[in-house]
Amino acid sequence: MKNKKRYISFMAILALSLFAVFVSNAEKKTPFYFSKHFVISENGVSEDGMAQGGTYEVWFNDKGHYRYEVTSGNFAGDFEVWDGEKLYQYTKIINDMMIRDFSESGKKGRVIPHSYFGDSYEKALKNQSMGKLTKQEKKDAKGIKQEFKKEKDNGKISYSFTEDGVPLESSLESNGKMVHQLKLDLMEDISSFDDKMLIVDLSSNPNINHLK
């Protein structure tokens, strides 16, 4: 999984991977992703020039517990499940299951499948206030879209969000070529979350590694 992340390390704010992230519980408002289903697509180029990408789906319940699946691309079949106590991370290519038990760790915070579901909007606003990004608002039939951009030398980086700060797209260009793009394809409400999605099937007899 480390190789999967090499080509997108510079897009750590929004790029997806199978490494869960802890975020602070200090935020009082309900996160935008609770009780929602997401489909996200990614396209990019690795350090050795190979095209990479895929499609990712995430289902969240009203507590922030989730199932995350890679549904297309080189890592199709990989998945991650967070049930509130244990984090299951499955890598299909090596049939490996990593299980992390946080029930007695005392570590405070929420677990999210990637920083895409974290504070990328707040970071963009902060960078704008520091003059590192420029902001522009555009209005269409879907509402107001907020765009943050930075251009330097032959590179261009951009982020777009809904009026409420939900990430829509991030992209990085170099010498006029798209190096990386992450796009929200679907976001829909889940009226009744199926708890069976948080049950991990071990019928494939994966190699299991337990971490505390």
N, C-alpha and C. Protein backbone atom coordinates (compact mmCIF):
# COMPACT_ATOMS: atom_id res chain seq x y z
N MET A 1 0.82 -1.20 0.00
CA MET A 1 0.00 0.00 0.00
C MET A 1 0.86 1.26 0.00
N LYS A 2 2.12 1.13 0.41
CA LYS A 2 2.97 2.30 0.39
C LYS A 2 3.19 2.79 -1.02
N ASN A 3 3.38 1.85 -1.98
CA ASN A 3 3.57 2.24 -3.37
C ASN A 3 2.35 2.95 -3.91
N LYS A 4 1.19 2.55 -3.44
CA LYS A 4 -0.05 3.17 -3.91
C LYS A 4 -0.09 4.64 -3.55
N LYS A 5 0.60 5.01 -2.46
CA LYS A 5 0.50 6.38 -1.98
C LYS A 5 1.61 7.28 -2.53
N ARG A 6 2.65 6.70 -3.14
CA ARG A 6 3.80 7.51 -3.53
C ARG A 6 3.42 8.69 -4.41
N TYR A 7 2.65 8.41 -5.45
CA TYR A 7 2.40 9.43 -6.45
C TYR A 7 1.40 10.47 -6.00
N ILE A 8 0.79 10.30 -4.84
CA ILE A 8 -0.19 11.29 -4.39
C ILE A 8 0.18 11.87 -3.04
N SER A 9 1.43 11.70 -2.63
CA SER A 9 1.81 12.21 -1.31
C SER A 9 1.64 13.71 -1.22
N PHE A 10 1.83 14.40 -2.33
CA PHE A 10 1.71 15.85 -2.34
C PHE A 10 0.26 16.30 -2.26
N MET A 11 -0.68 15.39 -2.43
CA MET A 11 -2.10 15.72 -2.36
C MET A 11 -2.71 15.11 -1.11
N ALA A 12 -1.96 15.07 -0.05
CA ALA A 12 -2.40 14.35 1.15
C ALA A 12 -3.69 14.88 1.73
N ILE A 13 -4.05 16.12 1.43
CA ILE A 13 -5.28 16.68 1.99
C ILE A 13 -6.49 15.93 1.46
N LEU A 14 -6.48 15.62 0.17
CA LEU A 14 -7.69 15.07 -0.42
C LEU A 14 -7.55 13.68 -1.04
N ALA A 15 -6.35 13.20 -1.29
CA ALA A 15 -6.20 11.92 -1.97
C ALA A 15 -6.62 10.77 -1.07
N LEU A 16 -7.08 9.68 -1.68
CA LEU A 16 -7.58 8.54 -0.90
C LEU A 16 -6.52 7.45 -0.77
N SER A 17 -6.55 6.73 0.32
CA SER A 17 -5.70 5.57 0.53
C SER A 17 -6.41 4.66 1.51
N LEU A 18 -5.77 3.54 1.84
CA LEU A 18 -6.37 2.62 2.80
C LEU A 18 -5.75 2.78 4.19
N PHE A 19 -5.30 3.96 4.52
CA PHE A 19 -4.78 4.22 5.85
C PHE A 19 -5.74 5.14 6.58
N ALA A 20 -6.31 4.65 7.67
CA ALA A 20 -7.28 5.43 8.42
C ALA A 20 -6.58 6.58 9.13
N VAL A 21 -7.37 7.61 9.43
CA VAL A 21 -6.84 8.82 10.04
C VAL A 21 -7.67 9.15 11.27
N PHE A 22 -7.02 9.54 12.34
CA PHE A 22 -7.73 10.02 13.52
C PHE A 22 -7.90 11.52 13.42
N VAL A 23 -9.08 12.01 13.74
CA VAL A 23 -9.33 13.45 13.77
C VAL A 23 -9.89 13.81 15.14
N SER A 24 -9.71 15.05 15.52
CA SER A 24 -10.11 15.50 16.85
C SER A 24 -11.61 15.49 17.02
N ASN A 25 -12.06 15.25 18.24
CA ASN A 25 -13.48 15.32 18.57
C ASN A 25 -13.90 16.72 18.98
N ALA A 26 -12.98 17.68 18.86
CA ALA A 26 -13.27 19.03 19.32
C ALA A 26 -14.37 19.68 18.47
N GLU A 27 -14.48 19.26 17.22
CA GLU A 27 -15.49 19.83 16.33
C GLU A 27 -16.88 19.41 16.83
N LYS A 28 -17.72 20.39 17.11
CA LYS A 28 -19.02 20.11 17.71
C LYS A 28 -20.10 19.76 16.67
N LYS A 29 -20.03 20.36 15.50
CA LYS A 29 -21.07 20.11 14.52
C LYS A 29 -20.95 18.70 13.94
N THR A 30 -22.06 18.17 13.47
CA THR A 30 -22.06 16.84 12.88
C THR A 30 -21.28 16.86 11.57
N PRO A 31 -20.31 15.96 11.38
CA PRO A 31 -19.54 15.92 10.14
C PRO A 31 -20.44 15.72 8.92
N PHE A 32 -20.03 16.27 7.80
CA PHE A 32 -20.86 16.24 6.59
C PHE A 32 -21.09 14.83 6.06
N TYR A 33 -20.24 13.90 6.45
CA TYR A 33 -20.32 12.56 5.86
C TYR A 33 -21.19 11.58 6.65
N PHE A 34 -21.66 11.95 7.83
CA PHE A 34 -22.50 11.03 8.62
C PHE A 34 -23.75 10.64 7.83
N SER A 35 -24.12 9.34 7.90
CA SER A 35 -25.33 8.81 7.23
C SER A 35 -25.34 9.11 5.74
N LYS A 36 -24.18 8.93 5.09
CA LYS A 36 -24.09 9.20 3.65
C LYS A 36 -23.27 8.13 2.94
N HIS A 37 -23.53 8.04 1.64
CA HIS A 37 -22.81 7.14 0.74
C HIS A 37 -22.05 7.99 -0.27
N PHE A 38 -20.76 7.69 -0.46
CA PHE A 38 -19.92 8.46 -1.37
C PHE A 38 -19.32 7.56 -2.43
N VAL A 39 -19.19 8.11 -3.65
CA VAL A 39 -18.41 7.47 -4.71
C VAL A 39 -17.39 8.51 -5.17
N ILE A 40 -16.13 8.13 -5.14
CA ILE A 40 -15.05 9.06 -5.47
C ILE A 40 -14.13 8.40 -6.49
N SER A 41 -13.75 9.15 -7.52
CA SER A 41 -12.84 8.63 -8.54
C SER A 41 -11.51 9.36 -8.47
N GLU A 42 -10.47 8.63 -8.81
CA GLU A 42 -9.12 9.17 -8.72
C GLU A 42 -8.33 8.80 -9.97
N ASN A 43 -7.57 9.75 -10.50
CA ASN A 43 -6.70 9.50 -11.63
C ASN A 43 -5.37 10.20 -11.37
N GLY A 44 -4.29 9.54 -11.74
CA GLY A 44 -2.99 10.15 -11.50
C GLY A 44 -1.89 9.39 -12.21
N VAL A 45 -0.68 9.87 -12.00
CA VAL A 45 0.51 9.28 -12.61
C VAL A 45 1.52 9.00 -11.51
N SER A 46 2.08 7.80 -11.50
CA SER A 46 3.05 7.43 -10.49
C SER A 46 4.39 8.10 -10.78
N GLU A 47 5.34 7.94 -9.86
CA GLU A 47 6.65 8.55 -10.02
C GLU A 47 7.38 8.02 -11.25
N ASP A 48 7.08 6.78 -11.66
CA ASP A 48 7.73 6.21 -12.83
C ASP A 48 6.90 6.39 -14.10
N GLY A 49 5.87 7.26 -14.04
CA GLY A 49 5.11 7.61 -15.23
C GLY A 49 3.96 6.70 -15.56
N MET A 50 3.66 5.73 -14.71
CA MET A 50 2.57 4.81 -14.96
C MET A 50 1.23 5.42 -14.53
N ALA A 51 0.22 5.26 -15.39
CA ALA A 51 -1.11 5.78 -15.06
C ALA A 51 -1.72 4.92 -13.96
N GLN A 52 -2.29 5.59 -12.96
CA GLN A 52 -2.93 4.88 -11.87
C GLN A 52 -4.24 5.58 -11.53
N GLY A 53 -5.10 4.85 -10.87
CA GLY A 53 -6.38 5.44 -10.48
C GLY A 53 -7.35 4.37 -10.04
N GLY A 54 -8.55 4.80 -9.75
CA GLY A 54 -9.55 3.85 -9.31
C GLY A 54 -10.80 4.56 -8.83
N THR A 55 -11.76 3.76 -8.41
CA THR A 55 -13.01 4.28 -7.86
C THR A 55 -13.17 3.74 -6.45
N TYR A 56 -13.64 4.60 -5.55
CA TYR A 56 -13.77 4.26 -4.15
C TYR A 56 -15.19 4.54 -3.69
N GLU A 57 -15.72 3.66 -2.84
CA GLU A 57 -17.05 3.87 -2.26
C GLU A 57 -16.95 3.79 -0.75
N VAL A 58 -17.68 4.69 -0.09
CA VAL A 58 -17.71 4.70 1.37
C VAL A 58 -19.14 4.85 1.84
N TRP A 59 -19.53 4.02 2.83
CA TRP A 59 -20.85 4.11 3.44
C TRP A 59 -20.65 4.42 4.93
N PHE A 60 -21.26 5.50 5.42
CA PHE A 60 -21.16 5.89 6.83
C PHE A 60 -22.52 5.74 7.51
N ASN A 61 -22.51 5.29 8.78
CA ASN A 61 -23.75 5.32 9.55
C ASN A 61 -23.82 6.64 10.33
N ASP A 62 -24.80 6.77 11.21
CA ASP A 62 -25.00 8.04 11.91
C ASP A 62 -24.02 8.25 13.07
N LYS A 63 -23.11 7.31 13.27
CA LYS A 63 -22.08 7.45 14.30
C LYS A 63 -20.69 7.65 13.69
N GLY A 64 -20.63 7.63 12.36
CA GLY A 64 -19.35 7.77 11.69
C GLY A 64 -18.64 6.45 11.44
N HIS A 65 -19.26 5.33 11.80
CA HIS A 65 -18.70 4.02 11.48
C HIS A 65 -18.89 3.79 9.98
N TYR A 66 -17.99 3.07 9.36
CA TYR A 66 -18.05 3.02 7.90
C TYR A 66 -17.51 1.73 7.30
N ARG A 67 -17.85 1.56 6.02
CA ARG A 67 -17.24 0.56 5.16
C ARG A 67 -16.69 1.29 3.94
N TYR A 68 -15.44 1.05 3.63
CA TYR A 68 -14.75 1.71 2.52
C TYR A 68 -14.25 0.63 1.56
N GLU A 69 -14.57 0.73 0.28
CA GLU A 69 -14.16 -0.28 -0.70
C GLU A 69 -13.52 0.37 -1.92
N VAL A 70 -12.49 -0.29 -2.44
CA VAL A 70 -11.92 0.08 -3.73
C VAL A 70 -12.64 -0.76 -4.76
N THR A 71 -13.43 -0.12 -5.62
CA THR A 71 -14.30 -0.87 -6.54
C THR A 71 -13.75 -1.00 -7.95
N SER A 72 -12.72 -0.22 -8.30
CA SER A 72 -12.08 -0.38 -9.61
C SER A 72 -10.65 0.12 -9.52
N GLY A 73 -9.83 -0.28 -10.50
CA GLY A 73 -8.44 0.12 -10.49
C GLY A 73 -7.53 -1.01 -10.04
N ASN A 74 -6.24 -0.71 -9.91
CA ASN A 74 -5.25 -1.73 -9.56
C ASN A 74 -5.49 -2.36 -8.19
N PHE A 75 -6.17 -1.64 -7.32
CA PHE A 75 -6.36 -2.14 -5.96
C PHE A 75 -7.81 -2.52 -5.68
N ALA A 76 -8.56 -2.81 -6.75
CA ALA A 76 -9.95 -3.24 -6.58
C ALA A 76 -10.01 -4.48 -5.70
N GLY A 77 -10.94 -4.47 -4.76
CA GLY A 77 -11.07 -5.58 -3.83
C GLY A 77 -10.54 -5.26 -2.45
N ASP A 78 -9.69 -4.24 -2.34
CA ASP A 78 -9.24 -3.80 -1.02
C ASP A 78 -10.42 -3.15 -0.30
N PHE A 79 -10.47 -3.28 1.02
CA PHE A 79 -11.55 -2.62 1.76
C PHE A 79 -11.11 -2.31 3.18
N GLU A 80 -11.90 -1.49 3.83
CA GLU A 80 -11.63 -1.10 5.22
C GLU A 80 -12.96 -0.97 5.95
N VAL A 81 -13.00 -1.43 7.19
CA VAL A 81 -14.22 -1.35 8.01
C VAL A 81 -13.85 -0.81 9.39
N TRP A 82 -14.60 0.18 9.84
CA TRP A 82 -14.46 0.71 11.20
C TRP A 82 -15.80 0.55 11.90
N ASP A 83 -15.82 -0.25 12.98
CA ASP A 83 -17.08 -0.54 13.67
C ASP A 83 -17.21 0.18 15.01
N GLY A 84 -16.30 1.09 15.28
CA GLY A 84 -16.34 1.84 16.53
C GLY A 84 -15.35 1.34 17.56
N GLU A 85 -14.88 0.10 17.40
CA GLU A 85 -13.89 -0.48 18.31
C GLU A 85 -12.69 -1.04 17.57
N LYS A 86 -12.96 -1.70 16.44
CA LYS A 86 -11.87 -2.30 15.68
C LYS A 86 -11.86 -1.76 14.25
N LEU A 87 -10.64 -1.64 13.72
CA LEU A 87 -10.44 -1.20 12.35
C LEU A 87 -9.88 -2.37 11.55
N TYR A 88 -10.60 -2.79 10.50
CA TYR A 88 -10.19 -3.90 9.65
C TYR A 88 -9.71 -3.33 8.31
N GLN A 89 -8.50 -3.71 7.90
CA GLN A 89 -7.95 -3.23 6.63
C GLN A 89 -7.49 -4.44 5.81
N TYR A 90 -8.15 -4.65 4.67
CA TYR A 90 -7.87 -5.82 3.85
C TYR A 90 -7.17 -5.42 2.56
N THR A 91 -6.07 -6.13 2.24
CA THR A 91 -5.33 -5.93 1.00
C THR A 91 -5.46 -7.20 0.16
N LYS A 92 -6.20 -7.12 -0.94
CA LYS A 92 -6.55 -8.31 -1.71
C LYS A 92 -5.34 -8.97 -2.36
N ILE A 93 -4.44 -8.17 -2.92
CA ILE A 93 -3.34 -8.73 -3.72
C ILE A 93 -2.46 -9.68 -2.91
N ILE A 94 -2.39 -9.48 -1.59
CA ILE A 94 -1.61 -10.38 -0.74
C ILE A 94 -2.50 -11.13 0.25
N ASN A 95 -3.81 -10.96 0.11
CA ASN A 95 -4.79 -11.61 0.98
C ASN A 95 -4.44 -11.39 2.46
N ASP A 96 -4.24 -10.12 2.79
CA ASP A 96 -3.80 -9.76 4.14
C ASP A 96 -4.86 -8.93 4.85
N MET A 97 -5.14 -9.27 6.09
CA MET A 97 -6.09 -8.52 6.91
C MET A 97 -5.38 -7.98 8.15
N MET A 98 -5.38 -6.66 8.27
CA MET A 98 -4.80 -6.03 9.45
C MET A 98 -5.95 -5.59 10.36
N ILE A 99 -5.90 -5.99 11.61
CA ILE A 99 -6.95 -5.64 12.57
C ILE A 99 -6.34 -4.82 13.70
N ARG A 100 -6.88 -3.63 13.88
CA ARG A 100 -6.39 -2.75 14.95
C ARG A 100 -7.51 -2.57 15.98
N ASP A 101 -7.20 -2.90 17.20
CA ASP A 101 -8.19 -2.81 18.28
C ASP A 101 -7.94 -1.53 19.08
N PHE A 102 -8.90 -0.59 18.99
CA PHE A 102 -8.77 0.68 19.69
C PHE A 102 -9.69 0.76 20.91
N SER A 103 -10.35 -0.34 21.24
CA SER A 103 -11.35 -0.32 22.31
C SER A 103 -10.75 0.03 23.67
N GLU A 104 -9.49 -0.31 23.89
CA GLU A 104 -8.87 -0.04 25.18
C GLU A 104 -7.65 0.86 25.06
N SER A 105 -7.50 1.50 23.90
CA SER A 105 -6.30 2.30 23.68
C SER A 105 -6.35 3.65 24.38
N GLY A 106 -7.58 4.14 24.64
CA GLY A 106 -7.72 5.44 25.27
C GLY A 106 -7.48 6.59 24.31
N LYS A 107 -7.27 6.27 23.03
CA LYS A 107 -7.03 7.32 22.05
C LYS A 107 -8.34 7.98 21.69
N LYS A 108 -8.38 9.30 21.81
CA LYS A 108 -9.61 10.03 21.56
C LYS A 108 -9.64 10.56 20.13
N GLY A 109 -10.83 10.59 19.57
CA GLY A 109 -10.98 11.11 18.22
C GLY A 109 -11.79 10.18 17.36
N ARG A 110 -12.18 10.65 16.19
CA ARG A 110 -12.92 9.83 15.23
C ARG A 110 -11.94 9.18 14.27
N VAL A 111 -12.34 8.05 13.73
CA VAL A 111 -11.56 7.40 12.68
C VAL A 111 -12.26 7.67 11.36
N ILE A 112 -11.50 8.07 10.37
CA ILE A 112 -12.04 8.31 9.03
C ILE A 112 -11.17 7.55 8.03
N PRO A 113 -11.71 7.15 6.88
CA PRO A 113 -10.92 6.38 5.92
C PRO A 113 -9.81 7.19 5.27
N HIS A 114 -9.97 8.50 5.23
CA HIS A 114 -8.93 9.37 4.68
C HIS A 114 -9.19 10.81 5.06
N SER A 115 -8.16 11.63 4.95
CA SER A 115 -8.31 13.04 5.33
C SER A 115 -9.26 13.79 4.40
N TYR A 116 -9.68 13.18 3.30
CA TYR A 116 -10.74 13.78 2.48
C TYR A 116 -11.95 14.11 3.36
N PHE A 117 -12.21 13.26 4.33
CA PHE A 117 -13.35 13.44 5.22
C PHE A 117 -12.97 14.22 6.49
N GLY A 118 -11.82 14.86 6.45
CA GLY A 118 -11.36 15.64 7.59
C GLY A 118 -11.60 17.12 7.43
N ASP A 119 -10.55 17.91 7.62
CA ASP A 119 -10.70 19.37 7.65
C ASP A 119 -10.06 20.05 6.44
N SER A 120 -10.17 19.44 5.26
CA SER A 120 -9.56 20.03 4.06
C SER A 120 -10.12 21.42 3.76
N TYR A 121 -11.42 21.61 4.01
CA TYR A 121 -12.03 22.92 3.74
C TYR A 121 -11.46 23.98 4.68
N GLU A 122 -11.35 23.64 5.96
CA GLU A 122 -10.78 24.58 6.93
C GLU A 122 -9.34 24.92 6.58
N LYS A 123 -8.59 23.93 6.10
CA LYS A 123 -7.21 24.18 5.71
C LYS A 123 -7.14 25.09 4.49
N ALA A 124 -8.06 24.90 3.55
CA ALA A 124 -8.09 25.76 2.36
C ALA A 124 -8.38 27.20 2.76
N LEU A 125 -9.34 27.40 3.66
CA LEU A 125 -9.66 28.75 4.13
C LEU A 125 -8.46 29.37 4.84
N LYS A 126 -7.76 28.58 5.63
CA LYS A 126 -6.59 29.10 6.34
C LYS A 126 -5.50 29.50 5.37
N ASN A 127 -5.26 28.65 4.36
CA ASN A 127 -4.24 28.97 3.36
C ASN A 127 -4.62 30.20 2.55
N GLN A 128 -5.93 30.38 2.33
CA GLN A 128 -6.38 31.59 1.63
C GLN A 128 -6.09 32.83 2.47
N SER A 129 -6.38 32.75 3.77
CA SER A 129 -6.15 33.89 4.65
C SER A 129 -4.67 34.24 4.77
N MET A 130 -3.81 33.24 4.53
CA MET A 130 -2.36 33.46 4.59
C MET A 130 -1.79 33.84 3.23
N GLY A 131 -2.67 33.94 2.23
CA GLY A 131 -2.23 34.33 0.90
C GLY A 131 -1.63 33.22 0.08
N LYS A 132 -1.78 31.98 0.53
CA LYS A 132 -1.22 30.85 -0.20
C LYS A 132 -2.15 30.33 -1.28
N LEU A 133 -3.44 30.63 -1.17
CA LEU A 133 -4.43 30.23 -2.17
C LEU A 133 -5.33 31.42 -2.48
N THR A 134 -5.80 31.48 -3.71
CA THR A 134 -6.80 32.49 -4.08
C THR A 134 -8.16 31.81 -4.15
N LYS A 135 -9.21 32.55 -3.82
CA LYS A 135 -10.55 31.98 -3.77
C LYS A 135 -11.47 32.69 -4.75
N GLN A 136 -12.33 31.89 -5.39
CA GLN A 136 -13.34 32.42 -6.30
C GLN A 136 -14.63 31.62 -6.13
N GLU A 137 -15.76 32.29 -6.14
CA GLU A 137 -17.05 31.62 -6.02
C GLU A 137 -17.78 31.65 -7.36
N LYS A 138 -18.35 30.51 -7.73
CA LYS A 138 -19.11 30.40 -8.97
C LYS A 138 -20.49 29.84 -8.66
N LYS A 139 -21.49 30.35 -9.32
CA LYS A 139 -22.86 29.92 -9.08
C LYS A 139 -23.43 29.24 -10.32
N ASP A 140 -24.06 28.09 -10.12
CA ASP A 140 -24.74 27.40 -11.21
C ASP A 140 -26.05 26.82 -10.68
N ALA A 141 -26.66 25.93 -11.45
CA ALA A 141 -27.96 25.37 -11.07
C ALA A 141 -27.87 24.55 -9.78
N LYS A 142 -26.69 24.04 -9.46
CA LYS A 142 -26.52 23.23 -8.26
C LYS A 142 -26.22 24.05 -7.02
N GLY A 143 -25.94 25.33 -7.22
CA GLY A 143 -25.62 26.19 -6.08
C GLY A 143 -24.30 26.90 -6.26
N ILE A 144 -23.71 27.29 -5.15
CA ILE A 144 -22.44 28.02 -5.18
C ILE A 144 -21.27 27.06 -4.98
N LYS A 145 -20.29 27.17 -5.88
CA LYS A 145 -19.07 26.37 -5.77
C LYS A 145 -17.90 27.27 -5.41
N GLN A 146 -17.16 26.87 -4.39
CA GLN A 146 -16.00 27.63 -3.96
C GLN A 146 -14.74 26.99 -4.53
N GLU A 147 -13.92 27.80 -5.20
CA GLU A 147 -12.70 27.30 -5.81
C GLU A 147 -11.48 27.98 -5.19
N PHE A 148 -10.50 27.17 -4.84
CA PHE A 148 -9.24 27.67 -4.30
C PHE A 148 -8.12 27.23 -5.24
N LYS A 149 -7.24 28.16 -5.62
CA LYS A 149 -6.19 27.84 -6.58
C LYS A 149 -4.85 28.44 -6.19
N LYS A 150 -3.82 27.80 -6.72
CA LYS A 150 -2.47 28.32 -6.59
C LYS A 150 -1.70 27.95 -7.83
N GLU A 151 -1.05 28.92 -8.44
CA GLU A 151 -0.22 28.69 -9.62
C GLU A 151 1.19 29.17 -9.32
N LYS A 152 2.16 28.33 -9.62
CA LYS A 152 3.55 28.70 -9.40
C LYS A 152 4.42 27.99 -10.41
N ASP A 153 5.29 28.76 -11.07
CA ASP A 153 6.16 28.21 -12.11
C ASP A 153 5.30 27.49 -13.15
N ASN A 154 5.52 26.20 -13.34
CA ASN A 154 4.76 25.44 -14.33
C ASN A 154 3.70 24.55 -13.68
N GLY A 155 3.42 24.79 -12.41
CA GLY A 155 2.46 23.96 -11.70
C GLY A 155 1.20 24.70 -11.30
N LYS A 156 0.12 23.95 -11.14
CA LYS A 156 -1.16 24.52 -10.73
C LYS A 156 -1.88 23.52 -9.83
N ILE A 157 -2.34 24.00 -8.70
CA ILE A 157 -3.09 23.16 -7.78
C ILE A 157 -4.43 23.82 -7.50
N SER A 158 -5.49 23.04 -7.46
CA SER A 158 -6.82 23.62 -7.23
C SER A 158 -7.69 22.68 -6.41
N TYR A 159 -8.58 23.29 -5.62
CA TYR A 159 -9.55 22.56 -4.80
C TYR A 159 -10.90 23.22 -5.00
N SER A 160 -11.96 22.45 -5.03
CA SER A 160 -13.30 23.03 -5.10
C SER A 160 -14.19 22.36 -4.06
N PHE A 161 -15.11 23.18 -3.51
CA PHE A 161 -16.01 22.73 -2.45
C PHE A 161 -17.41 23.27 -2.72
N THR A 162 -18.41 22.62 -2.12
CA THR A 162 -19.76 23.16 -2.17
C THR A 162 -19.82 24.39 -1.27
N GLU A 163 -20.96 25.05 -1.27
CA GLU A 163 -21.16 26.22 -0.41
C GLU A 163 -20.99 25.85 1.06
N ASP A 164 -21.31 24.59 1.41
CA ASP A 164 -21.21 24.13 2.80
C ASP A 164 -19.85 23.54 3.14
N GLY A 165 -18.93 23.56 2.17
CA GLY A 165 -17.59 23.07 2.44
C GLY A 165 -17.35 21.61 2.18
N VAL A 166 -18.24 20.95 1.44
CA VAL A 166 -18.03 19.55 1.08
C VAL A 166 -17.06 19.48 -0.10
N PRO A 167 -15.97 18.71 -0.01
CA PRO A 167 -15.00 18.62 -1.10
C PRO A 167 -15.63 18.07 -2.38
N LEU A 168 -15.38 18.74 -3.49
CA LEU A 168 -15.89 18.30 -4.78
C LEU A 168 -14.79 17.74 -5.67
N GLU A 169 -13.66 18.44 -5.72
CA GLU A 169 -12.60 18.02 -6.63
C GLU A 169 -11.27 18.65 -6.20
N SER A 170 -10.21 17.92 -6.43
CA SER A 170 -8.87 18.47 -6.27
C SER A 170 -8.05 18.04 -7.48
N SER A 171 -7.13 18.88 -7.89
CA SER A 171 -6.32 18.54 -9.06
C SER A 171 -4.94 19.19 -8.97
N LEU A 172 -3.99 18.55 -9.61
CA LEU A 172 -2.63 19.07 -9.70
C LEU A 172 -2.16 18.94 -11.13
N GLU A 173 -1.71 20.06 -11.70
CA GLU A 173 -1.19 20.07 -13.06
C GLU A 173 0.27 20.47 -13.04
N SER A 174 1.05 19.90 -13.95
CA SER A 174 2.45 20.25 -14.11
C SER A 174 2.77 20.34 -15.59
N ASN A 175 3.28 21.49 -16.01
CA ASN A 175 3.59 21.71 -17.42
C ASN A 175 2.40 21.45 -18.33
N GLY A 176 1.21 21.84 -17.86
CA GLY A 176 0.00 21.70 -18.65
C GLY A 176 -0.60 20.32 -18.67
N LYS A 177 -0.02 19.38 -17.93
CA LYS A 177 -0.53 18.01 -17.90
C LYS A 177 -1.10 17.70 -16.51
N MET A 178 -2.20 16.96 -16.51
CA MET A 178 -2.82 16.57 -15.25
C MET A 178 -1.99 15.47 -14.59
N VAL A 179 -1.51 15.75 -13.39
CA VAL A 179 -0.71 14.78 -12.65
C VAL A 179 -1.58 13.98 -11.69
N HIS A 180 -2.55 14.64 -11.09
CA HIS A 180 -3.44 13.96 -10.16
C HIS A 180 -4.78 14.66 -10.11
N GLN A 181 -5.85 13.87 -10.02
CA GLN A 181 -7.20 14.42 -9.89
C GLN A 181 -8.04 13.50 -9.02
N LEU A 182 -8.75 14.11 -8.10
CA LEU A 182 -9.68 13.39 -7.24
C LEU A 182 -11.02 14.08 -7.34
N LYS A 183 -12.07 13.31 -7.61
CA LYS A 183 -13.37 13.91 -7.89
C LYS A 183 -14.49 13.17 -7.17
N LEU A 184 -15.39 13.95 -6.58
CA LEU A 184 -16.59 13.38 -5.95
C LEU A 184 -17.62 13.12 -7.04
N ASP A 185 -17.94 11.85 -7.26
CA ASP A 185 -18.91 11.48 -8.29
C ASP A 185 -20.33 11.39 -7.74
N LEU A 186 -20.45 11.02 -6.47
CA LEU A 186 -21.78 10.85 -5.89
C LEU A 186 -21.73 11.06 -4.39
N MET A 187 -22.73 11.75 -3.88
CA MET A 187 -22.94 11.85 -2.44
C MET A 187 -24.44 11.78 -2.22
N GLU A 188 -24.90 10.78 -1.47
CA GLU A 188 -26.32 10.63 -1.24
C GLU A 188 -26.58 10.24 0.20
N ASP A 189 -27.76 10.60 0.70
CA ASP A 189 -28.13 10.29 2.07
C ASP A 189 -28.46 8.80 2.21
N ILE A 190 -28.16 8.26 3.38
CA ILE A 190 -28.53 6.89 3.72
C ILE A 190 -29.62 6.97 4.78
N SER A 191 -30.83 6.62 4.41
CA SER A 191 -31.95 6.71 5.36
C SER A 191 -31.93 5.58 6.37
N SER A 192 -31.45 4.41 5.94
CA SER A 192 -31.40 3.25 6.84
C SER A 192 -30.12 2.48 6.56
N PHE A 193 -29.12 2.66 7.40
CA PHE A 193 -27.83 2.00 7.22
C PHE A 193 -27.94 0.51 7.54
N ASP A 194 -27.38 -0.32 6.66
CA ASP A 194 -27.38 -1.77 6.87
C ASP A 194 -26.18 -2.15 7.74
N ASP A 195 -26.44 -2.51 8.99
CA ASP A 195 -25.36 -2.84 9.92
C ASP A 195 -24.52 -4.03 9.46
N LYS A 196 -25.04 -4.83 8.54
CA LYS A 196 -24.28 -5.97 8.04
C LYS A 196 -23.04 -5.52 7.27
N MET A 197 -23.04 -4.26 6.82
CA MET A 197 -21.89 -3.75 6.09
C MET A 197 -20.66 -3.64 6.99
N LEU A 198 -20.87 -3.63 8.30
CA LEU A 198 -19.76 -3.53 9.24
C LEU A 198 -19.27 -4.89 9.72
N ILE A 199 -19.88 -5.96 9.18
CA ILE A 199 -19.44 -7.32 9.50
C ILE A 199 -18.38 -7.73 8.49
N VAL A 200 -17.23 -8.15 8.96
CA VAL A 200 -16.12 -8.50 8.07
C VAL A 200 -16.14 -10.00 7.77
N ASP A 201 -16.17 -10.33 6.49
CA ASP A 201 -16.19 -11.72 6.04
C ASP A 201 -14.75 -12.25 5.97
N LEU A 202 -14.45 -13.27 6.75
CA LEU A 202 -13.10 -13.85 6.76
C LEU A 202 -13.06 -15.20 6.05
N SER A 203 -14.05 -15.46 5.19
CA SER A 203 -14.14 -16.76 4.53
C SER A 203 -13.00 -17.01 3.55
N SER A 204 -12.31 -15.95 3.12
CA SER A 204 -11.18 -16.12 2.20
C SER A 204 -9.92 -16.54 2.93
N ASN A 205 -10.02 -16.72 4.26
CA ASN A 205 -8.90 -17.14 5.10
C ASN A 205 -7.66 -16.25 4.89
N PRO A 206 -7.81 -14.95 5.11
CA PRO A 206 -6.68 -14.05 4.91
C PRO A 206 -5.61 -14.22 5.98
N ASN A 207 -4.42 -13.74 5.69
CA ASN A 207 -3.37 -13.67 6.70
C ASN A 207 -3.73 -12.54 7.65
N ILE A 208 -3.95 -12.85 8.92
CA ILE A 208 -4.44 -11.86 9.87
C ILE A 208 -3.31 -11.36 10.76
N ASN A 209 -3.21 -10.04 10.84
CA ASN A 209 -2.23 -9.41 11.72
C ASN A 209 -2.97 -8.51 12.69
N HIS A 210 -2.72 -8.69 13.98
CA HIS A 210 -3.38 -7.88 15.00
C HIS A 210 -2.42 -6.80 15.50
N LEU A 211 -2.92 -5.57 15.56
CA LEU A 211 -2.14 -4.45 16.07
C LEU A 211 -2.92 -3.76 17.17
N LYS A 212 -2.23 -3.25 18.14
CA LYS A 212 -2.87 -2.50 19.22
C LYS A 212 -2.72 -1.00 18.96
